[in-house]
Protein backbone atom coordinates (compact mmCIF):
# COMPACT_ATOMS: atom_id res chain seq x y z
CA MET A 1 -32.05 -10.64 -20.90
CA GLU A 2 -31.84 -8.29 -18.40
CA THR A 3 -31.57 -10.91 -15.49
CA ASN A 4 -27.93 -9.98 -14.11
CA ASP A 5 -27.23 -7.82 -10.61
CA ILE A 6 -23.84 -7.08 -12.08
CA GLY A 7 -21.13 -8.11 -14.50
CA LEU A 8 -17.05 -8.62 -14.11
CA ILE A 9 -14.82 -8.65 -16.36
CA GLY A 10 -11.63 -9.88 -16.58
CA LEU A 11 -11.54 -14.61 -15.00
CA ALA A 12 -7.90 -14.02 -13.54
CA VAL A 13 -7.82 -15.42 -9.60
CA MET A 14 -8.60 -12.19 -8.28
CA GLY A 15 -12.11 -11.89 -10.60
CA GLN A 16 -12.65 -15.43 -10.00
CA ASN A 17 -12.52 -14.76 -6.51
CA LEU A 18 -14.75 -11.44 -6.50
CA VAL A 19 -17.08 -13.67 -8.44
CA LEU A 20 -17.95 -16.52 -5.99
CA ASN A 21 -17.14 -13.25 -2.79
CA MET A 22 -20.69 -11.48 -4.72
CA GLU A 23 -22.63 -14.93 -6.40
CA ARG A 24 -22.19 -15.88 -2.22
CA ASN A 25 -23.60 -12.97 -0.87
CA GLY A 26 -26.31 -13.10 -2.89
CA TYR A 27 -26.09 -10.81 -5.89
CA ARG A 28 -26.19 -12.89 -9.54
CA VAL A 29 -23.07 -11.92 -11.47
CA ALA A 30 -22.70 -12.13 -15.56
CA VAL A 31 -19.40 -12.88 -16.07
CA TYR A 32 -16.74 -12.41 -19.70
CA ASN A 33 -12.95 -12.87 -20.42
CA ARG A 34 -11.67 -12.32 -23.86
CA THR A 35 -10.69 -15.46 -23.77
CA PRO A 36 -13.94 -18.30 -23.70
CA SER A 37 -12.11 -20.76 -23.01
CA ILE A 38 -11.56 -19.51 -19.06
CA THR A 39 -14.67 -18.53 -19.04
CA THR A 40 -16.06 -21.77 -19.96
CA ALA A 41 -13.60 -23.11 -16.95
CA PHE A 42 -14.88 -20.76 -14.99
CA ILE A 43 -18.78 -21.91 -15.51
CA GLU A 44 -17.92 -25.71 -15.50
CA GLY A 45 -15.60 -25.75 -12.18
CA ALA A 46 -15.86 -23.00 -9.21
CA GLY A 47 -18.70 -21.99 -10.92
CA ALA A 48 -21.02 -24.29 -11.39
CA GLY A 49 -24.32 -24.80 -10.19
CA LYS A 50 -23.98 -21.47 -9.04
CA ASN A 51 -25.88 -17.72 -10.09
CA VAL A 52 -23.03 -16.67 -11.74
CA ILE A 53 -23.61 -16.41 -15.75
CA GLY A 54 -21.32 -16.83 -18.40
CA THR A 55 -21.09 -14.63 -21.81
CA SER A 56 -19.28 -15.04 -25.30
CA SER A 57 -19.30 -11.77 -26.42
CA LEU A 58 -19.63 -7.66 -24.71
CA LYS A 59 -22.87 -7.51 -26.00
CA GLU A 60 -24.11 -10.27 -24.39
CA PHE A 61 -22.41 -9.67 -21.01
CA ILE A 62 -23.73 -6.03 -21.83
CA GLY A 63 -27.47 -6.85 -22.29
CA SER A 64 -27.62 -9.25 -19.68
CA LEU A 65 -27.41 -6.38 -17.37
CA LYS A 66 -29.84 -4.64 -14.95
CA ARG A 67 -30.22 -1.24 -15.79
CA PRO A 68 -28.35 0.74 -14.54
CA ARG A 69 -25.65 -1.17 -15.79
CA LYS A 70 -22.89 -2.00 -13.10
CA ILE A 71 -19.20 -3.65 -14.76
CA MET A 72 -16.30 -4.64 -12.81
CA LEU A 73 -13.49 -4.57 -14.75
CA MET A 74 -10.08 -6.69 -13.57
CA VAL A 75 -7.95 -6.63 -16.25
CA LYS A 76 -4.31 -5.35 -16.14
CA ALA A 77 -3.25 -1.68 -15.55
CA GLY A 78 -2.57 1.31 -18.53
CA ALA A 79 -3.20 -0.06 -22.33
CA PRO A 80 -5.62 -3.30 -20.98
CA VAL A 81 -8.00 -1.42 -19.51
CA ASP A 82 -8.41 1.55 -21.74
CA ALA A 83 -8.76 -1.40 -24.76
CA VAL A 84 -11.61 -2.42 -22.97
CA ILE A 85 -13.86 1.28 -22.26
CA SER A 86 -13.31 1.70 -25.50
CA GLN A 87 -15.21 -1.38 -26.71
CA LEU A 88 -18.05 -1.13 -23.33
CA THR A 89 -19.09 2.91 -25.00
CA PRO A 90 -20.57 1.93 -27.89
CA TYR A 91 -23.31 -0.83 -25.42
CA LEU A 92 -23.40 2.14 -22.64
CA GLU A 93 -25.99 4.62 -21.71
CA ILE A 94 -26.16 7.29 -19.37
CA GLY A 95 -26.71 6.10 -15.30
CA ASP A 96 -24.48 3.14 -16.33
CA ILE A 97 -21.10 2.22 -14.13
CA ILE A 98 -18.32 1.08 -15.08
CA ILE A 99 -15.94 0.28 -11.72
CA ASP A 100 -12.13 -0.21 -12.35
CA GLY A 101 -10.94 -2.89 -9.88
CA GLY A 102 -7.53 -3.33 -10.42
CA ASN A 103 -4.21 -0.96 -9.46
CA SER A 104 -5.06 1.67 -11.85
CA PHE A 105 -2.68 5.01 -11.74
CA TYR A 106 -4.61 7.13 -10.46
CA ARG A 107 -3.71 9.89 -13.01
CA ASP A 108 -5.40 7.46 -15.54
CA THR A 109 -8.57 7.11 -13.19
CA GLU A 110 -9.39 11.16 -13.34
CA ARG A 111 -8.71 10.89 -16.99
CA ARG A 112 -10.73 8.10 -17.48
CA SER A 113 -13.69 9.97 -15.08
CA LYS A 114 -13.90 13.52 -17.23
CA MET A 115 -13.90 11.31 -20.68
CA LEU A 116 -16.61 8.95 -19.72
CA ALA A 117 -18.14 11.77 -17.41
CA VAL A 118 -19.52 13.51 -20.61
CA ASP A 119 -21.10 10.52 -21.82
CA GLY A 120 -22.78 10.37 -18.48
CA ILE A 121 -21.42 7.40 -17.91
CA HIS A 122 -19.64 7.31 -14.26
CA TYR A 123 -16.84 5.86 -13.22
CA LEU A 124 -15.40 4.53 -9.77
CA GLY A 125 -12.13 4.00 -9.44
CA THR A 126 -12.42 1.16 -6.91
CA GLY A 127 -8.74 -0.04 -4.56
CA VAL A 128 -9.51 -3.76 -3.81
CA SER A 129 -6.71 -4.73 -0.76
CA GLY A 130 -6.12 -8.37 0.23
CA GLY A 131 -4.78 -11.10 -2.80
CA GLU A 132 -6.72 -13.68 -3.45
CA GLU A 133 -8.21 -14.39 -0.05
CA GLY A 134 -9.37 -11.24 0.32
CA ALA A 135 -11.43 -11.29 -3.03
CA LEU A 136 -13.30 -14.49 -2.07
CA ASN A 137 -13.65 -13.97 1.48
CA GLY A 138 -13.92 -10.04 2.24
CA PRO A 139 -12.01 -7.13 1.23
CA SER A 140 -10.85 -3.95 2.02
CA ILE A 141 -12.57 -2.12 -0.57
CA MET A 142 -11.66 1.88 -1.32
CA PRO A 143 -14.06 3.24 -3.98
CA GLY A 144 -13.64 6.77 -5.38
CA GLY A 145 -16.08 8.38 -8.23
CA SER A 146 -19.70 9.97 -7.64
CA PRO A 147 -21.09 10.07 -4.44
CA GLU A 148 -24.06 8.39 -6.60
CA SER A 149 -22.54 5.83 -8.36
CA TYR A 150 -21.05 4.56 -4.85
CA ALA A 151 -24.99 4.75 -3.59
CA LEU A 152 -25.67 2.59 -5.84
CA LEU A 153 -22.69 -0.19 -4.83
CA LYS A 154 -22.61 0.42 -1.00
CA PRO A 155 -24.81 -2.51 -0.14
CA LEU A 156 -23.37 -4.92 -2.55
CA PHE A 157 -19.58 -3.28 -1.38
CA GLU A 158 -20.24 -3.20 2.26
CA SER A 159 -21.96 -6.79 2.12
CA ILE A 160 -18.26 -8.84 0.49
CA SER A 161 -16.03 -6.73 2.01
CA ALA A 162 -13.94 -8.06 5.46
CA LYS A 163 -15.85 -7.46 8.53
CA VAL A 164 -14.39 -5.25 11.71
CA ASP A 165 -16.25 -5.08 14.79
CA ALA A 166 -18.94 -5.82 12.05
CA GLN A 167 -18.27 -2.38 10.34
CA PRO A 168 -17.53 -3.22 6.83
CA CYS A 169 -14.05 -2.21 5.56
CA VAL A 170 -15.19 -0.04 3.47
CA ALA A 171 -16.05 4.09 2.41
CA TYR A 172 -16.57 6.55 0.48
CA ILE A 173 -13.08 7.94 -0.81
CA GLY A 174 -13.82 10.59 -2.94
CA PRO A 175 -14.16 11.60 -6.53
CA ARG A 176 -12.59 10.98 -9.34
CA GLY A 177 -9.17 8.85 -8.51
CA ALA A 178 -9.52 9.72 -4.56
CA GLY A 179 -10.22 5.60 -4.27
CA HIS A 180 -7.24 4.29 -6.46
CA PHE A 181 -4.51 7.48 -4.98
CA VAL A 182 -5.75 5.63 -1.32
CA LYS A 183 -5.34 1.98 -3.18
CA MET A 184 -2.37 4.10 -4.48
CA VAL A 185 -0.93 4.81 -0.51
CA HIS A 186 -1.36 1.70 0.87
CA ASN A 187 0.49 -0.41 -1.03
CA GLY A 188 3.20 2.19 -0.47
CA ILE A 189 2.43 1.58 3.23
CA GLU A 190 2.91 -1.96 2.16
CA TYR A 191 6.61 -2.37 0.69
CA GLY A 192 7.58 -0.16 4.08
CA ASP A 193 6.33 -2.80 6.31
CA MET A 194 7.54 -5.89 4.43
CA GLN A 195 10.72 -4.59 3.55
CA LEU A 196 11.22 -3.35 7.55
CA ILE A 197 10.23 -6.79 8.60
CA ALA A 198 12.79 -8.62 6.12
CA GLU A 199 15.36 -6.17 7.60
CA ALA A 200 14.21 -7.23 11.11
CA TYR A 201 14.37 -10.57 10.03
CA ASP A 202 17.84 -10.05 8.66
CA ILE A 203 19.24 -8.43 11.78
CA LEU A 204 17.84 -11.42 13.81
CA LYS A 205 19.27 -14.58 11.53
CA ARG A 206 22.83 -13.13 10.20
CA GLY A 207 23.30 -10.43 13.79
CA CYS A 208 21.66 -13.33 16.64
CA GLY A 209 22.11 -16.21 14.22
CA LEU A 210 18.45 -17.06 15.07
CA SER A 211 17.38 -19.90 12.91
CA SER A 212 13.79 -20.22 11.34
CA LYS A 213 11.83 -22.23 13.77
CA ALA A 214 13.56 -19.44 16.68
CA LEU A 215 12.76 -16.90 13.96
CA GLY A 216 8.54 -18.51 14.06
CA ASP A 217 8.71 -18.80 17.81
CA VAL A 218 9.63 -15.00 17.46
CA PHE A 219 7.24 -13.87 15.31
CA ASP A 220 4.48 -16.06 17.15
CA ARG A 221 5.35 -13.66 19.88
CA TRP A 222 5.42 -10.86 18.17
CA ASN A 223 2.11 -10.56 16.95
CA LYS A 224 0.20 -11.34 20.19
CA GLY A 225 1.93 -7.51 20.81
CA PRO A 226 1.10 -4.27 19.44
CA LEU A 227 3.37 -5.64 16.32
CA SER A 228 0.04 -8.04 15.91
CA SER A 229 -1.07 -7.93 12.43
CA TYR A 230 -1.54 -9.89 8.76
CA LEU A 231 2.37 -9.35 7.26
CA ILE A 232 3.62 -10.31 10.94
CA GLU A 233 1.42 -13.32 11.17
CA ILE A 234 2.04 -14.59 7.54
CA THR A 235 5.62 -14.68 8.35
CA SER A 236 5.58 -16.54 11.14
CA ASP A 237 3.74 -19.07 9.10
CA ILE A 238 6.69 -18.21 6.01
CA PHE A 239 9.25 -19.78 8.77
CA LYS A 240 7.60 -22.72 10.12
CA VAL A 241 7.52 -24.26 6.01
CA MET A 242 10.18 -27.25 5.24
CA ASP A 243 10.55 -27.40 1.64
CA PRO A 244 10.40 -31.44 0.81
CA GLU A 245 13.44 -31.50 -1.40
CA THR A 246 16.68 -30.29 0.72
CA GLU A 247 14.56 -30.52 4.06
CA SER A 248 15.90 -26.64 4.47
CA PRO A 249 13.63 -24.08 5.67
CA LEU A 250 12.04 -23.20 2.26
CA VAL A 251 12.27 -19.32 3.24
CA GLU A 252 16.35 -20.20 3.21
CA MET A 253 15.78 -21.31 -0.74
CA ILE A 254 14.15 -18.68 -2.36
CA LEU A 255 16.74 -17.14 -4.48
CA ASP A 256 17.15 -12.85 -2.48
CA THR A 257 15.37 -10.43 -5.69
CA ALA A 258 12.30 -9.18 -4.69
CA GLY A 259 9.55 -7.90 -7.50
CA GLN A 260 7.14 -4.92 -7.97
CA LYS A 261 4.60 -3.69 -9.95
CA GLY A 262 4.27 -0.51 -9.59
CA THR A 263 2.77 0.66 -6.99
CA GLY A 264 4.82 1.34 -4.50
CA ARG A 265 7.33 2.74 -7.03
CA TRP A 266 4.29 5.57 -8.29
CA THR A 267 4.13 6.84 -4.62
CA SER A 268 7.46 7.45 -4.05
CA GLN A 269 7.42 9.76 -7.74
CA ILE A 270 4.33 11.09 -6.48
CA ALA A 271 5.02 12.26 -2.71
CA MET A 272 7.92 13.66 -4.78
CA ASP A 273 5.71 15.57 -7.01
CA LEU A 274 3.58 16.83 -3.87
CA GLY A 275 6.85 17.36 -1.61
CA VAL A 276 5.66 15.33 1.22
CA PRO A 277 9.03 13.39 3.09
CA THR A 278 8.76 9.53 2.48
CA PRO A 279 12.20 8.69 2.81
CA THR A 280 10.83 4.53 4.41
CA ILE A 281 8.83 3.90 1.46
CA ASN A 282 11.84 5.01 -1.52
CA ALA A 283 14.00 2.81 1.12
CA ALA A 284 11.95 -0.39 0.16
CA VAL A 285 10.98 1.02 -3.30
CA GLU A 286 15.27 1.49 -3.70
CA ALA A 287 16.03 -2.09 -2.13
CA ARG A 288 13.70 -3.91 -4.14
CA VAL A 289 15.94 -2.29 -6.77
CA ILE A 290 19.06 -3.56 -5.39
CA SER A 291 18.64 -7.11 -5.39
CA ALA A 292 17.79 -7.27 -8.25
CA TYR A 293 21.64 -6.24 -9.04
CA LYS A 294 21.89 -10.37 -7.71
CA ALA A 295 24.87 -10.83 -9.68
CA GLU A 296 26.52 -7.89 -8.64
CA ARG A 297 26.00 -8.15 -5.58
CA GLU A 298 28.04 -11.43 -5.00
CA ASP A 299 30.94 -9.98 -6.96
CA ALA A 300 30.92 -6.73 -4.64
CA ALA A 301 30.74 -9.61 -1.49
CA LYS A 302 34.44 -10.69 -2.45
CA ALA A 303 35.02 -7.98 -2.93
CA PHE A 304 34.80 -5.74 0.23
CA THR A 305 34.93 -7.70 3.56
CA HIS A 306 33.69 -6.93 6.83
CA THR A 307 34.96 -8.89 9.71
CA ALA A 308 33.08 -6.35 13.42
CA ASP A 309 31.00 -8.35 15.10
CA PRO A 310 27.96 -7.28 15.88
CA ASP A 311 27.37 -5.32 19.34
CA ILE A 312 24.15 -7.09 20.53
CA SER A 313 24.23 -6.74 24.77
CA GLY A 314 21.04 -7.64 26.91
CA ASN A 315 17.63 -8.44 25.42
CA PHE A 316 18.18 -7.87 21.76
CA VAL A 317 15.00 -9.20 20.31
CA ASP A 318 12.82 -7.13 22.22
CA ALA A 319 15.02 -3.85 21.28
CA VAL A 320 14.01 -5.31 17.37
CA GLU A 321 10.91 -5.25 18.60
CA GLY A 322 10.61 -2.12 19.25
CA ALA A 323 12.88 -0.66 16.51
CA LEU A 324 10.13 -2.75 14.25
CA TYR A 325 7.49 -0.52 15.89
CA MET A 326 8.30 2.74 15.92
CA ALA A 327 9.44 2.28 12.71
CA LYS A 328 6.16 1.06 11.35
CA ILE A 329 4.53 4.43 12.80
CA CYS A 330 7.18 6.75 10.89
CA SER A 331 6.20 4.29 7.49
CA TYR A 332 2.23 4.86 8.33
CA ALA A 333 2.89 8.54 9.39
CA GLN A 334 4.13 9.24 6.13
CA GLY A 335 1.74 7.69 4.38
CA MET A 336 -1.38 9.26 5.55
CA ALA A 337 0.74 12.16 5.68
CA LEU A 338 0.61 12.17 1.65
CA LEU A 339 -2.58 11.23 2.30
CA LYS A 340 -3.19 14.79 3.34
CA GLU A 341 -1.68 17.08 0.97
CA ALA A 342 -3.42 14.90 -2.42
CA SER A 343 -6.39 15.59 -0.52
CA ARG A 344 -5.41 19.07 0.00
CA GLU A 345 -4.05 19.39 -3.51
CA TYR A 346 -6.70 16.94 -5.46
CA ASP A 347 -9.70 18.19 -3.60
CA TYR A 348 -10.51 14.82 -2.34
CA ASP A 349 -12.00 15.92 0.47
CA LEU A 350 -10.51 12.71 2.81
CA LYS A 351 -11.63 11.11 5.80
CA TYR A 352 -8.30 10.21 7.91
CA SER A 353 -10.26 8.17 10.13
CA ASP A 354 -12.08 6.61 7.82
CA ILE A 355 -9.28 5.06 5.89
CA ALA A 356 -8.06 3.68 8.73
CA ARG A 357 -10.92 2.15 9.68
CA ILE A 358 -11.44 0.11 6.29
CA TRP A 359 -8.11 -1.00 6.09
CA ARG A 360 -8.21 -2.78 9.32
CA GLY A 361 -9.87 -5.79 7.37
CA GLY A 362 -9.32 -7.41 4.86
CA CYS A 363 -6.26 -5.84 3.35
CA ILE A 364 -2.46 -6.06 3.09
CA ILE A 365 -1.46 -4.16 5.53
CA ARG A 366 -4.61 -5.17 8.12
CA ALA A 367 -2.67 -4.00 12.01
CA GLN A 368 -3.51 -3.59 15.25
CA PHE A 369 -3.06 -0.44 15.33
CA LEU A 370 -4.72 0.68 12.68
CA ASP A 371 -7.05 1.43 15.41
CA ASP A 372 -5.21 3.61 17.05
CA ILE A 373 -4.85 5.07 14.10
CA ARG A 374 -8.89 5.34 13.62
CA ALA A 375 -8.82 7.01 16.59
CA SER A 376 -6.03 9.68 15.94
CA PHE A 377 -7.97 10.50 13.42
CA SER A 378 -11.58 10.90 14.63
CA ASP A 379 -10.18 12.91 17.98
CA GLU A 380 -9.02 15.26 15.28
CA PRO A 381 -9.63 15.14 11.89
CA GLU A 382 -6.91 17.54 11.19
CA LEU A 383 -3.91 16.32 13.04
CA ASN A 384 -0.42 17.51 10.70
CA ASN A 385 1.20 14.25 11.47
CA LEU A 386 0.65 10.96 12.87
CA LEU A 387 3.66 11.34 15.22
CA LEU A 388 2.17 14.01 16.70
CA ALA A 389 -1.17 12.04 18.41
CA PRO A 390 -0.79 11.83 21.67
CA PHE A 391 -0.97 7.33 21.58
CA PHE A 392 2.19 7.53 19.11
CA GLN A 393 3.81 10.10 20.80
CA GLU A 394 4.30 8.24 24.41
CA ALA A 395 4.91 5.12 21.43
CA VAL A 396 7.53 6.52 19.36
CA SER A 397 9.21 7.95 22.57
CA GLN A 398 9.91 4.50 24.52
CA ARG A 399 11.27 3.31 21.78
CA ALA A 400 12.97 5.76 19.92
CA ASP A 401 16.37 3.82 21.95
CA SER A 402 15.45 0.34 20.74
CA LEU A 403 15.41 1.77 17.33
CA ARG A 404 18.57 3.51 17.60
CA LEU A 405 19.91 1.01 19.44
CA VAL A 406 19.51 -1.73 16.58
CA LEU A 407 20.85 0.01 14.29
CA LYS A 408 24.11 0.61 16.14
CA ALA A 409 24.41 -3.13 15.72
CA ALA A 410 23.86 -3.01 12.42
CA ILE A 411 25.87 -0.77 11.26
CA THR A 412 28.66 -2.33 13.24
CA SER A 413 28.15 -5.69 11.48
CA GLY A 414 27.23 -4.47 7.70
CA ILE A 415 23.70 -5.20 7.17
CA PRO A 416 21.87 -2.71 5.38
CA MET A 417 19.06 -1.90 7.03
CA PRO A 418 17.93 1.19 4.82
CA ALA A 419 14.00 1.05 5.61
CA MET A 420 14.44 1.24 9.24
CA SER A 421 17.80 3.87 8.68
CA ALA A 422 15.32 5.99 6.64
CA SER A 423 12.89 5.90 9.59
CA LEU A 424 14.75 7.12 12.32
CA ALA A 425 16.02 10.04 9.89
CA TYR A 426 12.14 10.59 9.40
CA TYR A 427 11.80 10.67 13.11
CA ASP A 428 15.10 12.94 13.77
CA ALA A 429 14.61 15.14 11.13
CA TYR A 430 10.87 15.88 11.88
CA ARG A 431 11.91 17.45 15.62
CA SER A 432 14.44 19.03 14.99
CA ALA A 433 13.83 22.96 15.09
CA ARG A 434 16.61 23.74 13.16
CA LEU A 435 18.11 21.38 10.44
CA PRO A 436 21.19 22.86 8.44
CA ALA A 437 18.89 23.87 4.96
CA ASN A 438 20.06 27.32 5.86
CA LEU A 439 23.82 26.08 4.14
CA ILE A 440 21.75 24.73 1.22
CA GLN A 441 20.34 27.82 0.57
CA ALA A 442 23.73 29.46 0.80
CA GLN A 443 25.16 27.57 -0.92
CA ARG A 444 22.53 28.32 -3.64
CA ASP A 445 22.45 31.66 -2.98
CA TYR A 446 26.05 31.42 -4.12
CA PHE A 447 26.51 30.11 -7.47
CA GLY A 448 22.59 31.28 -8.61
CA ALA A 449 21.74 33.80 -7.09
CA HIS A 450 18.91 32.21 -5.64
CA THR A 451 18.39 34.50 -2.68
CA TYR A 452 17.55 33.53 0.80
CA GLU A 453 15.02 34.70 3.91
CA ARG A 454 16.59 35.64 7.23
CA THR A 455 15.20 34.47 10.58
CA ASP A 456 15.51 37.91 12.16
CA ARG A 457 14.03 39.73 9.56
CA LYS A 458 10.54 39.36 7.34
CA GLY A 459 11.60 39.78 3.18
CA VAL A 460 13.98 37.78 0.43
CA PHE A 461 18.37 38.76 0.18
CA HIS A 462 20.81 38.22 -1.55
CA SER A 463 24.74 38.43 -0.73
CA GLU A 464 27.65 38.62 -3.41
CA TRP A 465 29.15 35.97 -1.36
CA LYS A 466 32.93 36.17 -3.04
CA ASN A 467 32.92 40.03 -2.85
CA SER A 468 32.23 39.62 1.31
CA ILE A 469 35.05 37.74 1.89
């Protein structure tokens, strides 16, 4: 019987929590997983006594849904998504909607959207951020696809999303792959954010000798000021947890090799393709990559020693706070600039104020200053760069010296801060009316006759450099 409002395929933790969120908000949900025992365990466990209906086949699953059918996929990105789509399509009809809630690559979403549109099936590539807790209690949701399909899902998305100032953290992003593109950039900014926080921790621990308890207190205080955010909050919590086996801070017992699922790397790669500088995000990706070279780093630590003390004076903790805030602004500015270029390139017609608004709650990068980003783009929708918004001009001008001071101490002491260094370089390059690219153009013309433009008159020029000496 066609009694279920929506169906969800893929019952890992994110999928299960989204089902429970939907059911709690008044929706009757059909579920399916390719491993029947997982479906059974969920129905008899967390889903027991709720309006959640387990199905044992895709035919049964599809047949239980109200028309137009709404099917959410929470499966691993890549080939598994294509496999599920191919299994679903024989049962679907014109007007049915497939919602891809995973971290699919936006180009895959573009391809699938066009392919399914031929048969009149809507494909809604939907970024969902907030982790397991967000999925259960309210994530930030970034849907991309046809406006018609979004209109049919809008009541559900608004009911299950996070709320800030009574506003749901969901908005229609744009056509085809727009939702997954925005989610990808969100994750790239997340990479930058996490690396910047890790570097602040490193300089305070190795440079200043702060204990985990002291670090927890510092991050507690930071979370009450301009740096207030989810990631600062959970970092404070992390420093307070002790390992029951060693009675040491648990964070110090964790191997210093960071994993990644690819979305940060995608952000860097696409930024290169679109010609948008994202050095802080790139540095964060590279920092995770080099962290994996643990054995080589240990060998290099024995081969190369550094004994200089950091140049720390005055209230250095406050300087690190200012440095982190400025570096974060630069990272977000890079991400928003990438969204702006993608919107032009792919005709996404992105609304940057809306994107900042829905990132204020539910998602991993939610932060107090996202409201300032929202306001900046609301005041000037075509703002070229976040650094040029009056609020952020003042914020970075007040903190640039702090970032320079902290990086000077890091360089002196041999503590790597690639993301903070990249943020400062981005800021300095962006505010430079003249860069040394003129010499690069001269070199390119010398060895490859690539030509150049002049500062004093229009046209394209080439010189016989060796013959002119």
